[in-house]
């Protein structure tokens, strides 16, 4: 009875429209169609499902049919088709508008959350609508691939479905920003971000994922997000090839670059003499970088650089002669490696110090 009463509120004038159309065999008028569309919109705004409402319209049409005779009854089906189509059009239009409004509200919230905008209390209140409790600590993972990704893309939907299937009861938010995939999860649920990293790495065809450290409060999400972005930036400049980067493992790099002038002086002093080499400093810096990244195993470094063992030995010796520091000596190694990291962070020698 309650369902029937609910539907009746959105069937007002429907029977009269059908009867009027069947009386003369005419099509529904523009005003009648507009009225039906408006009722469909109101029903959608009230949260009523379209299938339930279509059944109510068909049931009401059966009552009208009982009072019709001859040609009028034959015309009923065409009139019902027009009426239900107009009603469904209005219902779907309202649904699309609601979805666009929700998407706009979600995007606005994401932008405010990741940039620390908006009042903290208001932001925390809005966050609950999207499944986050900002009174807790959160960590952010950011994934990037060879192409940009947005909400609604197949990659995004696939990862979202995998997260929902695996962590249905967790408070997780998956979104995109500037072409990157972003996952926000409670700070004490590292398994969520680890799973996201695996899914994103596979889905982005070998992209890279960075995970920020957990931080409390509303500003904690911004802090963790910025750590993840900085980790990706570091990976591009050094480069770091690991598929998953943890900001907690990269804290030494911000320390090294905190005093830019001191780092520039170190690079200039230690590596500046390499500019005297034929071909400039860059090939020898690449040699040192490969050498240090392979644990100072010259044969493996040569393989990575597509060099012969003899060429590798020659380059290491050339570095020793020009800089006065031996890459194989533990004492000199630290200074050289720090200078190489600084050179990459400062984009030297391409950029002047």
C-alpha atoms as a PDB file:
ATOM      1  CA  UNK A   1       0.000   0.000   0.000  1.00  0.00           C
ATOM      2  CA  UNK A   2       2.838   2.372   0.923  1.00  0.00           C
ATOM      3  CA  UNK A   3       4.544   1.733  -2.442  1.00  0.00           C
ATOM      4  CA  UNK A   4       1.321   2.397  -4.313  1.00  0.00           C
ATOM      5  CA  UNK A   5       0.725   5.622  -2.399  1.00  0.00           C
ATOM      6  CA  UNK A   6       4.318   6.690  -3.109  1.00  0.00           C
ATOM      7  CA  UNK A   7       3.918   6.106  -6.830  1.00  0.00           C
ATOM      8  CA  UNK A   8       0.553   7.897  -6.953  1.00  0.00           C
ATOM      9  CA  UNK A   9       2.262  11.195  -6.149  1.00  0.00           C
ATOM     10  CA  UNK A  10       4.145  10.919  -9.469  1.00  0.00           C
ATOM     11  CA  UNK A  11       1.229   9.668 -11.591  1.00  0.00           C
ATOM     12  CA  UNK A  12      -0.932  12.757 -11.195  1.00  0.00           C
ATOM     13  CA  UNK A  13      -2.800  13.459 -14.436  1.00  0.00           C
ATOM     14  CA  UNK A  14      -1.337  10.376 -16.140  1.00  0.00           C
ATOM     15  CA  UNK A  15      -4.637   8.521 -16.532  1.00  0.00           C
ATOM     16  CA  UNK A  16      -6.320  11.641 -17.920  1.00  0.00           C
ATOM     17  CA  UNK A  17      -3.505  12.090 -20.468  1.00  0.00           C
ATOM     18  CA  UNK A  18      -3.920   8.508 -21.683  1.00  0.00           C
ATOM     19  CA  UNK A  19      -7.692   8.754 -21.849  1.00  0.00           C
ATOM     20  CA  UNK A  20      -7.544  12.038 -23.777  1.00  0.00           C
ATOM     21  CA  UNK A  21      -5.070  10.669 -26.296  1.00  0.00           C
ATOM     22  CA  UNK A  22      -7.040   7.451 -26.820  1.00  0.00           C
ATOM     23  CA  UNK A  23     -10.340   9.270 -27.269  1.00  0.00           C
ATOM     24  CA  UNK A  24      -9.223  10.702 -30.607  1.00  0.00           C
ATOM     25  CA  UNK A  25      -6.191   8.557 -31.410  1.00  0.00           C
ATOM     26  CA  UNK A  26      -3.878  11.590 -31.199  1.00  0.00           C
ATOM     27  CA  UNK A  27      -0.290  11.795 -30.042  1.00  0.00           C
ATOM     28  CA  UNK A  28       0.503  13.362 -26.677  1.00  0.00           C
ATOM     29  CA  UNK A  29       0.809  17.154 -26.788  1.00  0.00           C
ATOM     30  CA  UNK A  30       4.002  19.074 -26.062  1.00  0.00           C
ATOM     31  CA  UNK A  31       2.593  20.286 -22.745  1.00  0.00           C
ATOM     32  CA  UNK A  32       1.610  16.749 -21.714  1.00  0.00           C
ATOM     33  CA  UNK A  33       5.082  15.432 -22.516  1.00  0.00           C
ATOM     34  CA  UNK A  34       6.693  18.313 -20.601  1.00  0.00           C
ATOM     35  CA  UNK A  35       4.497  17.564 -17.579  1.00  0.00           C
ATOM     36  CA  UNK A  36       5.508  13.896 -17.656  1.00  0.00           C
ATOM     37  CA  UNK A  37       9.198  14.794 -17.912  1.00  0.00           C
ATOM     38  CA  UNK A  38       8.850  17.119 -14.931  1.00  0.00           C
ATOM     39  CA  UNK A  39       7.242  14.321 -12.905  1.00  0.00           C
ATOM     40  CA  UNK A  40      10.118  12.025 -13.848  1.00  0.00           C
ATOM     41  CA  UNK A  41      12.616  14.599 -12.625  1.00  0.00           C
ATOM     42  CA  UNK A  42      10.784  15.015  -9.310  1.00  0.00           C
ATOM     43  CA  UNK A  43      10.659  11.247  -8.821  1.00  0.00           C
ATOM     44  CA  UNK A  44      14.414  10.956  -9.426  1.00  0.00           C
ATOM     45  CA  UNK A  45      15.120  13.789  -6.989  1.00  0.00           C
ATOM     46  CA  UNK A  46      13.027  11.919  -4.427  1.00  0.00           C
ATOM     47  CA  UNK A  47      15.252   8.869  -4.895  1.00  0.00           C
ATOM     48  CA  UNK A  48      12.654   6.586  -6.505  1.00  0.00           C
ATOM     49  CA  UNK A  49      13.890   3.907  -8.887  1.00  0.00           C
ATOM     50  CA  UNK A  50      12.823   3.982 -12.520  1.00  0.00           C
ATOM     51  CA  UNK A  51      11.845   0.288 -12.712  1.00  0.00           C
ATOM     52  CA  UNK A  52       9.412   0.701  -9.814  1.00  0.00           C
ATOM     53  CA  UNK A  53       7.867   3.761 -11.435  1.00  0.00           C
ATOM     54  CA  UNK A  54       7.547   2.125 -14.874  1.00  0.00           C
ATOM     55  CA  UNK A  55       5.644  -0.768 -13.272  1.00  0.00           C
ATOM     56  CA  UNK A  56       3.348   1.769 -11.613  1.00  0.00           C
ATOM     57  CA  UNK A  57       2.686   3.431 -14.973  1.00  0.00           C
ATOM     58  CA  UNK A  58       1.883   0.096 -16.634  1.00  0.00           C
ATOM     59  CA  UNK A  59      -0.439  -0.828 -13.783  1.00  0.00           C
ATOM     60  CA  UNK A  60      -2.254   2.496 -14.084  1.00  0.00           C
ATOM     61  CA  UNK A  61      -2.550   1.970 -17.854  1.00  0.00           C
ATOM     62  CA  UNK A  62      -4.326  -1.349 -17.206  1.00  0.00           C
ATOM     63  CA  UNK A  63      -6.956   0.535 -15.178  1.00  0.00           C
ATOM     64  CA  UNK A  64      -7.413   3.011 -18.031  1.00  0.00           C
ATOM     65  CA  UNK A  65      -7.761   0.194 -20.554  1.00  0.00           C
ATOM     66  CA  UNK A  66     -10.756  -1.210 -18.716  1.00  0.00           C
ATOM     67  CA  UNK A  67     -12.731   1.954 -19.575  1.00  0.00           C
ATOM     68  CA  UNK A  68     -11.772   2.053 -23.255  1.00  0.00           C
ATOM     69  CA  UNK A  69     -13.541   0.541 -26.216  1.00  0.00           C
ATOM     70  CA  UNK A  70     -12.719  -0.122 -29.866  1.00  0.00           C
ATOM     71  CA  UNK A  71     -10.079   2.046 -31.491  1.00  0.00           C
ATOM     72  CA  UNK A  72      -9.362   3.848 -28.224  1.00  0.00           C
ATOM     73  CA  UNK A  73      -8.148   0.628 -26.639  1.00  0.00           C
ATOM     74  CA  UNK A  74      -6.020  -0.122 -29.697  1.00  0.00           C
ATOM     75  CA  UNK A  75      -4.295   3.267 -29.376  1.00  0.00           C
ATOM     76  CA  UNK A  76      -3.478   2.829 -25.667  1.00  0.00           C
ATOM     77  CA  UNK A  77      -0.145   1.072 -26.188  1.00  0.00           C
ATOM     78  CA  UNK A  78       1.188   3.887 -28.385  1.00  0.00           C
ATOM     79  CA  UNK A  79       0.082   6.491 -25.826  1.00  0.00           C
ATOM     80  CA  UNK A  80       1.675   4.565 -22.941  1.00  0.00           C
ATOM     81  CA  UNK A  81       4.914   4.270 -24.904  1.00  0.00           C
ATOM     82  CA  UNK A  82       5.032   8.035 -25.422  1.00  0.00           C
ATOM     83  CA  UNK A  83       4.140   8.782 -21.814  1.00  0.00           C
ATOM     84  CA  UNK A  84       6.618   6.363 -20.223  1.00  0.00           C
ATOM     85  CA  UNK A  85       9.362   7.488 -22.585  1.00  0.00           C
ATOM     86  CA  UNK A  86       8.858  11.138 -21.575  1.00  0.00           C
ATOM     87  CA  UNK A  87       8.714  10.242 -17.883  1.00  0.00           C
ATOM     88  CA  UNK A  88      11.922   8.138 -18.159  1.00  0.00           C
ATOM     89  CA  UNK A  89      13.653  10.964 -20.045  1.00  0.00           C
ATOM     90  CA  UNK A  90      12.951  13.358 -17.187  1.00  0.00           C
ATOM     91  CA  UNK A  91      14.028  10.795 -14.604  1.00  0.00           C
ATOM     92  CA  UNK A  92      17.313  10.080 -16.422  1.00  0.00           C
ATOM     93  CA  UNK A  93      17.993  13.774 -16.953  1.00  0.00           C
ATOM     94  CA  UNK A  94      17.671  14.425 -13.232  1.00  0.00           C
ATOM     95  CA  UNK A  95      19.903  11.436 -12.497  1.00  0.00           C
ATOM     96  CA  UNK A  96      22.613  12.710 -14.848  1.00  0.00           C
ATOM     97  CA  UNK A  97      22.439  16.162 -13.279  1.00  0.00           C
ATOM     98  CA  UNK A  98      22.735  14.666  -9.800  1.00  0.00           C
ATOM     99  CA  UNK A  99      25.743  12.599 -10.873  1.00  0.00           C
ATOM    100  CA  UNK A 100      27.449  15.660 -12.378  1.00  0.00           C
ATOM    101  CA  UNK A 101      26.803  17.614  -9.198  1.00  0.00           C
ATOM    102  CA  UNK A 102      28.205  14.772  -7.081  1.00  0.00           C
ATOM    103  CA  UNK A 103      31.255  14.508  -9.310  1.00  0.00           C
ATOM    104  CA  UNK A 104      31.813  18.258  -9.091  1.00  0.00           C
ATOM    105  CA  UNK A 105      31.470  18.175  -5.303  1.00  0.00           C
ATOM    106  CA  UNK A 106      33.865  15.220  -5.099  1.00  0.00           C
ATOM    107  CA  UNK A 107      36.428  16.905  -7.348  1.00  0.00           C
ATOM    108  CA  UNK A 108      36.203  20.130  -5.342  1.00  0.00           C
ATOM    109  CA  UNK A 109      36.711  18.157  -2.132  1.00  0.00           C
ATOM    110  CA  UNK A 110      39.720  16.307  -3.565  1.00  0.00           C
ATOM    111  CA  UNK A 111      41.326  19.571  -4.683  1.00  0.00           C
ATOM    112  CA  UNK A 112      40.735  21.182  -1.287  1.00  0.00           C
ATOM    113  CA  UNK A 113      41.998  18.090   0.546  1.00  0.00           C
ATOM    114  CA  UNK A 114      45.223  17.675  -1.424  1.00  0.00           C
ATOM    115  CA  UNK A 115      46.087  21.366  -1.343  1.00  0.00           C
ATOM    116  CA  UNK A 116      45.074  22.042   2.259  1.00  0.00           C
ATOM    117  CA  UNK A 117      42.431  24.572   1.298  1.00  0.00           C
ATOM    118  CA  UNK A 118      39.168  25.229   3.135  1.00  0.00           C
ATOM    119  CA  UNK A 119      38.447  25.406   6.853  1.00  0.00           C
ATOM    120  CA  UNK A 120      39.779  22.325   8.671  1.00  0.00           C
ATOM    121  CA  UNK A 121      36.502  21.606  10.449  1.00  0.00           C
ATOM    122  CA  UNK A 122      34.454  21.981   7.296  1.00  0.00           C
ATOM    123  CA  UNK A 123      36.916  19.834   5.339  1.00  0.00           C
ATOM    124  CA  UNK A 124      36.749  17.069   7.957  1.00  0.00           C
ATOM    125  CA  UNK A 125      32.945  17.171   7.810  1.00  0.00           C
ATOM    126  CA  UNK A 126      32.957  16.882   4.016  1.00  0.00           C
ATOM    127  CA  UNK A 127      35.519  14.068   4.198  1.00  0.00           C
ATOM    128  CA  UNK A 128      33.087  11.802   6.058  1.00  0.00           C
ATOM    129  CA  UNK A 129      30.788  11.842   3.013  1.00  0.00           C
ATOM    130  CA  UNK A 130      33.605  10.272   1.032  1.00  0.00           C
ATOM    131  CA  UNK A 131      34.586   7.688   3.642  1.00  0.00           C
ATOM    132  CA  UNK A 132      37.502   9.421   5.383  1.00  0.00           C
ATOM    133  CA  UNK A 133      37.897  10.272   9.074  1.00  0.00           C
ATOM    134  CA  UNK A 134      40.464  13.049   9.089  1.00  0.00           C
ATOM    135  CA  UNK A 135      40.847  12.897  12.858  1.00  0.00           C
ATOM    136  CA  UNK A 136      42.992   9.801  12.170  1.00  0.00           C
ATOM    137  CA  UNK A 137      46.405   9.625  10.518  1.00  0.00           C
ATOM    138  CA  UNK A 138      46.420   8.973   6.774  1.00  0.00           C
ATOM    139  CA  UNK A 139      48.996   8.053   4.155  1.00  0.00           C
ATOM    140  CA  UNK A 140      48.836   8.758   0.434  1.00  0.00           C
ATOM    141  CA  UNK A 141      50.130   6.726  -2.492  1.00  0.00           C
ATOM    142  CA  UNK A 142      50.576   8.311  -5.923  1.00  0.00           C
ATOM    143  CA  UNK A 143      51.001   6.276  -9.115  1.00  0.00           C
ATOM    144  CA  UNK A 144      52.018   7.546 -12.519  1.00  0.00           C
ATOM    145  CA  UNK A 145      52.331   5.731 -15.809  1.00  0.00           C
ATOM    146  CA  UNK A 146      53.291   6.408 -19.370  1.00  0.00           C
ATOM    147  CA  UNK A 147      50.023   8.255 -19.980  1.00  0.00           C
ATOM    148  CA  UNK A 148      47.700  10.425 -17.851  1.00  0.00           C
ATOM    149  CA  UNK A 149      44.753   8.841 -16.037  1.00  0.00           C
ATOM    150  CA  UNK A 150      41.459  10.382 -15.003  1.00  0.00           C
ATOM    151  CA  UNK A 151      38.368   9.338 -13.071  1.00  0.00           C
ATOM    152  CA  UNK A 152      36.265   6.976 -15.162  1.00  0.00           C
ATOM    153  CA  UNK A 153      39.176   5.569 -17.181  1.00  0.00           C
ATOM    154  CA  UNK A 154      39.312   1.788 -17.482  1.00  0.00           C
ATOM    155  CA  UNK A 155      42.545   1.648 -15.458  1.00  0.00           C
ATOM    156  CA  UNK A 156      41.023   3.720 -12.658  1.00  0.00           C
ATOM    157  CA  UNK A 157      37.816   1.679 -12.591  1.00  0.00           C
ATOM    158  CA  UNK A 158      39.747  -1.595 -12.569  1.00  0.00           C
ATOM    159  CA  UNK A 159      41.923  -0.612  -9.608  1.00  0.00           C
ATOM    160  CA  UNK A 160      38.903   0.766  -7.757  1.00  0.00           C
ATOM    161  CA  UNK A 161      37.053  -2.521  -8.249  1.00  0.00           C
ATOM    162  CA  UNK A 162      40.053  -4.507  -7.000  1.00  0.00           C
ATOM    163  CA  UNK A 163      40.354  -2.350  -3.878  1.00  0.00           C
ATOM    164  CA  UNK A 164      36.627  -2.624  -3.178  1.00  0.00           C
ATOM    165  CA  UNK A 165      36.706  -6.401  -3.550  1.00  0.00           C
ATOM    166  CA  UNK A 166      39.736  -6.768  -1.270  1.00  0.00           C
ATOM    167  CA  UNK A 167      39.018  -4.064   1.327  1.00  0.00           C
ATOM    168  CA  UNK A 168      35.265  -3.589   1.221  1.00  0.00           C
ATOM    169  CA  UNK A 169      34.974  -2.310   4.802  1.00  0.00           C
ATOM    170  CA  UNK A 170      38.035  -0.048   4.839  1.00  0.00           C
ATOM    171  CA  UNK A 171      37.888   3.731   4.619  1.00  0.00           C
ATOM    172  CA  UNK A 172      39.725   4.243   1.328  1.00  0.00           C
ATOM    173  CA  UNK A 173      39.504   7.007  -1.248  1.00  0.00           C
ATOM    174  CA  UNK A 174      40.745   6.438  -4.794  1.00  0.00           C
ATOM    175  CA  UNK A 175      40.912   9.398  -7.132  1.00  0.00           C
ATOM    176  CA  UNK A 176      43.049  11.076  -9.780  1.00  0.00           C
ATOM    177  CA  UNK A 177      44.925  14.366  -9.896  1.00  0.00           C
ATOM    178  CA  UNK A 178      46.989  15.831 -12.729  1.00  0.00           C
ATOM    179  CA  UNK A 179      46.908  12.534 -14.620  1.00  0.00           C
ATOM    180  CA  UNK A 180      48.111  10.463 -11.650  1.00  0.00           C
ATOM    181  CA  UNK A 181      46.271   7.815  -9.638  1.00  0.00           C
ATOM    182  CA  UNK A 182      45.940   8.613  -5.941  1.00  0.00           C
ATOM    183  CA  UNK A 183      44.966   6.352  -3.055  1.00  0.00           C
ATOM    184  CA  UNK A 184      44.317   7.728   0.443  1.00  0.00           C
ATOM    185  CA  UNK A 185      44.108   5.201   3.287  1.00  0.00           C
ATOM    186  CA  UNK A 186      44.343   5.135   7.095  1.00  0.00           C
ATOM    187  CA  UNK A 187      47.937   5.408   8.220  1.00  0.00           C
ATOM    188  CA  UNK A 188      47.892   2.115  10.102  1.00  0.00           C
ATOM    189  CA  UNK A 189      46.736   0.114   7.066  1.00  0.00           C
ATOM    190  CA  UNK A 190      49.913  -0.186   5.028  1.00  0.00           C
ATOM    191  CA  UNK A 191      48.531  -3.323   3.374  1.00  0.00           C
ATOM    192  CA  UNK A 192      45.988  -1.198   1.511  1.00  0.00           C
ATOM    193  CA  UNK A 193      48.600   1.055  -0.072  1.00  0.00           C
ATOM    194  CA  UNK A 194      50.854  -1.923  -0.757  1.00  0.00           C
ATOM    195  CA  UNK A 195      48.018  -3.637  -2.620  1.00  0.00           C
ATOM    196  CA  UNK A 196      47.220  -0.411  -4.486  1.00  0.00           C
ATOM    197  CA  UNK A 197      50.882  -0.110  -5.505  1.00  0.00           C
ATOM    198  CA  UNK A 198      50.902  -3.628  -6.971  1.00  0.00           C
ATOM    199  CA  UNK A 199      47.641  -3.071  -8.830  1.00  0.00           C
ATOM    200  CA  UNK A 200      48.714   0.328 -10.150  1.00  0.00           C
ATOM    201  CA  UNK A 201      52.135  -0.926 -11.253  1.00  0.00           C
ATOM    202  CA  UNK A 202      50.501  -3.733 -13.242  1.00  0.00           C
ATOM    203  CA  UNK A 203      47.674  -1.601 -14.637  1.00  0.00           C
ATOM    204  CA  UNK A 204      49.913   1.267 -15.760  1.00  0.00           C
ATOM    205  CA  UNK A 205      52.202  -1.084 -17.656  1.00  0.00           C
ATOM    206  CA  UNK A 206      55.207  -0.651 -15.423  1.00  0.00           C
ATOM    207  CA  UNK A 207      54.541   2.795 -13.970  1.00  0.00           C
ATOM    208  CA  UNK A 208      55.991   3.973 -10.690  1.00  0.00           C
ATOM    209  CA  UNK A 209      54.286   4.369  -7.330  1.00  0.00           C
ATOM    210  CA  UNK A 210      55.385   6.524  -4.390  1.00  0.00           C
ATOM    211  CA  UNK A 211      53.986   6.166  -0.864  1.00  0.00           C
ATOM    212  CA  UNK A 212      54.126   9.031   1.605  1.00  0.00           C
ATOM    213  CA  UNK A 213      54.486   8.590   5.338  1.00  0.00           C
ATOM    214  CA  UNK A 214      51.395   8.567   7.614  1.00  0.00           C
ATOM    215  CA  UNK A 215      50.597  11.949   9.172  1.00  0.00           C
ATOM    216  CA  UNK A 216      47.742  12.915  11.513  1.00  0.00           C
ATOM    217  CA  UNK A 217      44.929  15.388  11.051  1.00  0.00           C
ATOM    218  CA  UNK A 218      43.559  17.318   8.111  1.00  0.00           C
ATOM    219  CA  UNK A 219      47.012  18.576   7.119  1.00  0.00           C
ATOM    220  CA  UNK A 220      48.400  15.057   7.299  1.00  0.00           C
ATOM    221  CA  UNK A 221      46.911  14.108   3.938  1.00  0.00           C
ATOM    222  CA  UNK A 222      48.531  17.119   2.271  1.00  0.00           C
ATOM    223  CA  UNK A 223      51.885  16.332   3.899  1.00  0.00           C
ATOM    224  CA  UNK A 224      51.827  12.674   2.833  1.00  0.00           C
ATOM    225  CA  UNK A 225      50.684  13.592  -0.689  1.00  0.00           C
ATOM    226  CA  UNK A 226      53.532  16.082  -1.100  1.00  0.00           C
ATOM    227  CA  UNK A 227      56.031  13.491   0.152  1.00  0.00           C
ATOM    228  CA  UNK A 228      54.817  11.038  -2.484  1.00  0.00           C
ATOM    229  CA  UNK A 229      55.072  13.673  -5.238  1.00  0.00           C
ATOM    230  CA  UNK A 230      58.566  14.627  -4.111  1.00  0.00           C
ATOM    231  CA  UNK A 231      59.581  10.967  -4.180  1.00  0.00           C
ATOM    232  CA  UNK A 232      58.433  10.669  -7.800  1.00  0.00           C
ATOM    233  CA  UNK A 233      60.306  13.853  -8.677  1.00  0.00           C
ATOM    234  CA  UNK A 234      63.465  12.506  -7.038  1.00  0.00           C
ATOM    235  CA  UNK A 235      63.073   9.227  -8.904  1.00  0.00           C
ATOM    236  CA  UNK A 236      62.975  11.089 -12.207  1.00  0.00           C
ATOM    237  CA  UNK A 237      66.039  13.199 -11.452  1.00  0.00           C
ATOM    238  CA  UNK A 238      68.392  10.681  -9.857  1.00  0.00           C
ATOM    239  CA  UNK A 239      66.999   8.330 -11.427  1.00  0.00           C
ATOM    240  CA  UNK A 240      65.536   5.716  -9.096  1.00  0.00           C
ATOM    241  CA  UNK A 241      64.099   2.765 -10.979  1.00  0.00           C
ATOM    242  CA  UNK A 242      62.324   0.872  -8.169  1.00  0.00           C
ATOM    243  CA  UNK A 243      58.633   0.327  -9.006  1.00  0.00           C
ATOM    244  CA  UNK A 244      57.556   1.338  -5.485  1.00  0.00           C
ATOM    245  CA  UNK A 245      59.178   4.217  -3.629  1.00  0.00           C
ATOM    246  CA  UNK A 246      58.674   4.872   0.086  1.00  0.00           C
ATOM    247  CA  UNK A 247      59.167   8.457   1.188  1.00  0.00           C
ATOM    248  CA  UNK A 248      60.486   7.174   4.513  1.00  0.00           C
ATOM    249  CA  UNK A 249      63.418   5.575   2.670  1.00  0.00           C
ATOM    250  CA  UNK A 250      64.309   8.779   0.809  1.00  0.00           C
ATOM    251  CA  UNK A 251      64.593  11.248   3.680  1.00  0.00           C
ATOM    252  CA  UNK A 252      68.329  11.634   3.112  1.00  0.00           C
ATOM    253  CA  UNK A 253      67.746  13.467  -0.180  1.00  0.00           C
ATOM    254  CA  UNK A 254      65.807  16.445   1.221  1.00  0.00           C
ATOM    255  CA  UNK A 255      68.532  16.720   3.868  1.00  0.00           C
ATOM    256  CA  UNK A 256      71.219  16.825   1.183  1.00  0.00           C
ATOM    257  CA  UNK A 257      69.451  19.578  -0.753  1.00  0.00           C
ATOM    258  CA  UNK A 258      68.340  21.679   2.210  1.00  0.00           C
ATOM    259  CA  UNK A 259      71.446  23.848   1.819  1.00  0.00           C
ATOM    260  CA  UNK A 260      71.548  24.273  -1.940  1.00  0.00           C
ATOM    261  CA  UNK A 261      74.612  26.484  -1.945  1.00  0.00           C
ATOM    262  CA  UNK A 262      76.627  24.001   0.098  1.00  0.00           C
ATOM    263  CA  UNK A 263      75.622  21.202  -2.250  1.00  0.00           C
ATOM    264  CA  UNK A 264      76.521  23.305  -5.295  1.00  0.00           C
ATOM    265  CA  UNK A 265      79.948  24.004  -3.768  1.00  0.00           C
ATOM    266  CA  UNK A 266      80.486  20.269  -3.182  1.00  0.00           C
ATOM    267  CA  UNK A 267      79.525  19.370  -6.766  1.00  0.00           C
ATOM    268  CA  UNK A 268      81.697  22.123  -8.196  1.00  0.00           C
ATOM    269  CA  UNK A 269      84.668  21.212  -6.034  1.00  0.00           C
ATOM    270  CA  UNK A 270      84.519  17.402  -6.403  1.00  0.00           C
ATOM    271  CA  UNK A 271      83.128  16.891  -9.898  1.00  0.00           C
ATOM    272  CA  UNK A 272      84.097  20.138 -11.613  1.00  0.00           C
ATOM    273  CA  UNK A 273      87.421  18.698 -12.848  1.00  0.00           C
ATOM    274  CA  UNK A 274      85.496  16.074 -14.845  1.00  0.00           C
ATOM    275  CA  UNK A 275      84.612  18.795 -17.344  1.00  0.00           C
ATOM    276  CA  UNK A 276      88.186  18.536 -18.618  1.00  0.00           C
ATOM    277  CA  UNK A 277      87.488  15.030 -19.953  1.00  0.00           C
ATOM    278  CA  UNK A 278      86.861  14.454 -23.628  1.00  0.00           C
ATOM    279  CA  UNK A 279      83.084  14.493 -24.018  1.00  0.00           C
ATOM    280  CA  UNK A 280      82.600  16.521 -20.851  1.00  0.00           C
ATOM    281  CA  UNK A 281      81.563  15.530 -17.355  1.00  0.00           C
ATOM    282  CA  UNK A 282      78.255  13.787 -18.065  1.00  0.00           C
ATOM    283  CA  UNK A 283      79.570  10.387 -19.283  1.00  0.00           C
ATOM    284  CA  UNK A 284      81.817  10.104 -16.226  1.00  0.00           C
ATOM    285  CA  UNK A 285      78.982  11.113 -13.874  1.00  0.00           C
ATOM    286  CA  UNK A 286      76.839   8.401 -15.477  1.00  0.00           C
ATOM    287  CA  UNK A 287      79.700   5.979 -14.904  1.00  0.00           C
ATOM    288  CA  UNK A 288      79.917   6.838 -11.216  1.00  0.00           C
ATOM    289  CA  UNK A 289      76.132   6.625 -10.838  1.00  0.00           C
ATOM    290  CA  UNK A 290      76.022   3.128 -12.372  1.00  0.00           C
ATOM    291  CA  UNK A 291      79.047   2.042 -10.339  1.00  0.00           C
ATOM    292  CA  UNK A 292      77.487   3.127  -7.033  1.00  0.00           C
ATOM    293  CA  UNK A 293      74.036   1.743  -7.907  1.00  0.00           C
ATOM    294  CA  UNK A 294      75.510  -1.708  -8.541  1.00  0.00           C
ATOM    295  CA  UNK A 295      77.261  -1.810  -5.191  1.00  0.00           C
ATOM    296  CA  UNK A 296      80.593  -0.818  -6.774  1.00  0.00           C
ATOM    297  CA  UNK A 297      80.656  -3.930  -8.964  1.00  0.00           C
ATOM    298  CA  UNK A 298      82.493  -2.709 -12.054  1.00  0.00           C
ATOM    299  CA  UNK A 299      81.419  -5.605 -14.290  1.00  0.00           C
ATOM    300  CA  UNK A 300      77.709  -5.046 -13.585  1.00  0.00           C
ATOM    301  CA  UNK A 301      78.079  -1.287 -14.014  1.00  0.00           C
ATOM    302  CA  UNK A 302      79.792  -1.856 -17.371  1.00  0.00           C
ATOM    303  CA  UNK A 303      76.914  -4.103 -18.469  1.00  0.00           C
ATOM    304  CA  UNK A 304      74.351  -1.445 -17.556  1.00  0.00           C
ATOM    305  CA  UNK A 305      76.253   1.158 -19.525  1.00  0.00           C
ATOM    306  CA  UNK A 306      76.896  -1.200 -22.458  1.00  0.00           C
ATOM    307  CA  UNK A 307      80.641  -0.809 -21.968  1.00  0.00           C
ATOM    308  CA  UNK A 308      83.470  -3.325 -22.119  1.00  0.00           C
ATOM    309  CA  UNK A 309      85.253  -4.145 -18.869  1.00  0.00           C
ATOM    310  CA  UNK A 310      88.319  -2.379 -20.227  1.00  0.00           C
ATOM    311  CA  UNK A 311      86.382   0.794 -21.027  1.00  0.00           C
ATOM    312  CA  UNK A 312      84.863   0.749 -17.553  1.00  0.00           C
ATOM    313  CA  UNK A 313      88.263   0.415 -15.919  1.00  0.00           C
ATOM    314  CA  UNK A 314      89.583   3.263 -18.055  1.00  0.00           C
ATOM    315  CA  UNK A 315      86.732   5.559 -17.025  1.00  0.00           C
ATOM    316  CA  UNK A 316      87.151   4.843 -13.309  1.00  0.00           C
ATOM    317  CA  UNK A 317      90.860   5.532 -13.593  1.00  0.00           C
ATOM    318  CA  UNK A 318      90.165   8.757 -15.493  1.00  0.00           C
ATOM    319  CA  UNK A 319      87.828   9.852 -12.711  1.00  0.00           C
ATOM    320  CA  UNK A 320      90.529   9.141 -10.116  1.00  0.00           C
ATOM    321  CA  UNK A 321      93.127  11.138 -12.008  1.00  0.00           C
ATOM    322  CA  UNK A 322      90.877  14.151 -12.635  1.00  0.00           C
ATOM    323  CA  UNK A 323      89.250  14.410  -9.213  1.00  0.00           C
ATOM    324  CA  UNK A 324      91.964  12.996  -7.014  1.00  0.00           C
ATOM    325  CA  UNK A 325      89.330  10.717  -5.437  1.00  0.00           C
ATOM    326  CA  UNK A 326      89.302   6.959  -5.928  1.00  0.00           C
ATOM    327  CA  UNK A 327      85.781   5.480  -6.452  1.00  0.00           C
ATOM    328  CA  UNK A 328      87.026   2.181  -5.031  1.00  0.00           C
ATOM    329  CA  UNK A 329      88.292   3.741  -1.788  1.00  0.00           C
ATOM    330  CA  UNK A 330      85.657   3.709   1.027  1.00  0.00           C
ATOM    331  CA  UNK A 331      86.681   7.156   2.235  1.00  0.00           C
ATOM    332  CA  UNK A 332      86.551   8.780  -1.191  1.00  0.00           C
ATOM    333  CA  UNK A 333      83.463   6.836  -2.220  1.00  0.00           C
ATOM    334  CA  UNK A 334      81.118   8.665   0.156  1.00  0.00           C
ATOM    335  CA  UNK A 335      82.256  12.090  -1.069  1.00  0.00           C
ATOM    336  CA  UNK A 336      81.970  11.095  -4.719  1.00  0.00           C
ATOM    337  CA  UNK A 337      78.565   9.466  -4.293  1.00  0.00           C
ATOM    338  CA  UNK A 338      77.166  12.468  -2.405  1.00  0.00           C
ATOM    339  CA  UNK A 339      78.465  14.773  -5.117  1.00  0.00           C
ATOM    340  CA  UNK A 340      76.907  12.603  -7.850  1.00  0.00           C
ATOM    341  CA  UNK A 341      73.551  12.705  -6.066  1.00  0.00           C
ATOM    342  CA  UNK A 342      73.893  16.473  -5.766  1.00  0.00           C
ATOM    343  CA  UNK A 343      74.728  16.814  -9.444  1.00  0.00           C
ATOM    344  CA  UNK A 344      71.588  14.936 -10.414  1.00  0.00           C
ATOM    345  CA  UNK A 345      69.402  16.892  -8.011  1.00  0.00           C
ATOM    346  CA  UNK A 346      70.823  20.189  -9.308  1.00  0.00           C
ATOM    347  CA  UNK A 347      70.725  18.979 -12.937  1.00  0.00           C
ATOM    348  CA  UNK A 348      74.434  19.636 -13.360  1.00  0.00           C
ATOM    349  CA  UNK A 349      76.229  19.960 -15.724  1.00  0.00           C
ATOM    350  CA  UNK A 350      73.241  20.838 -17.930  1.00  0.00           C
ATOM    351  CA  UNK A 351      72.379  23.692 -15.577  1.00  0.00           C
ATOM    352  CA  UNK A 352      75.034  26.062 -14.226  1.00  0.00           C
ATOM    353  CA  UNK A 353      75.691  26.021 -10.501  1.00  0.00           C
END
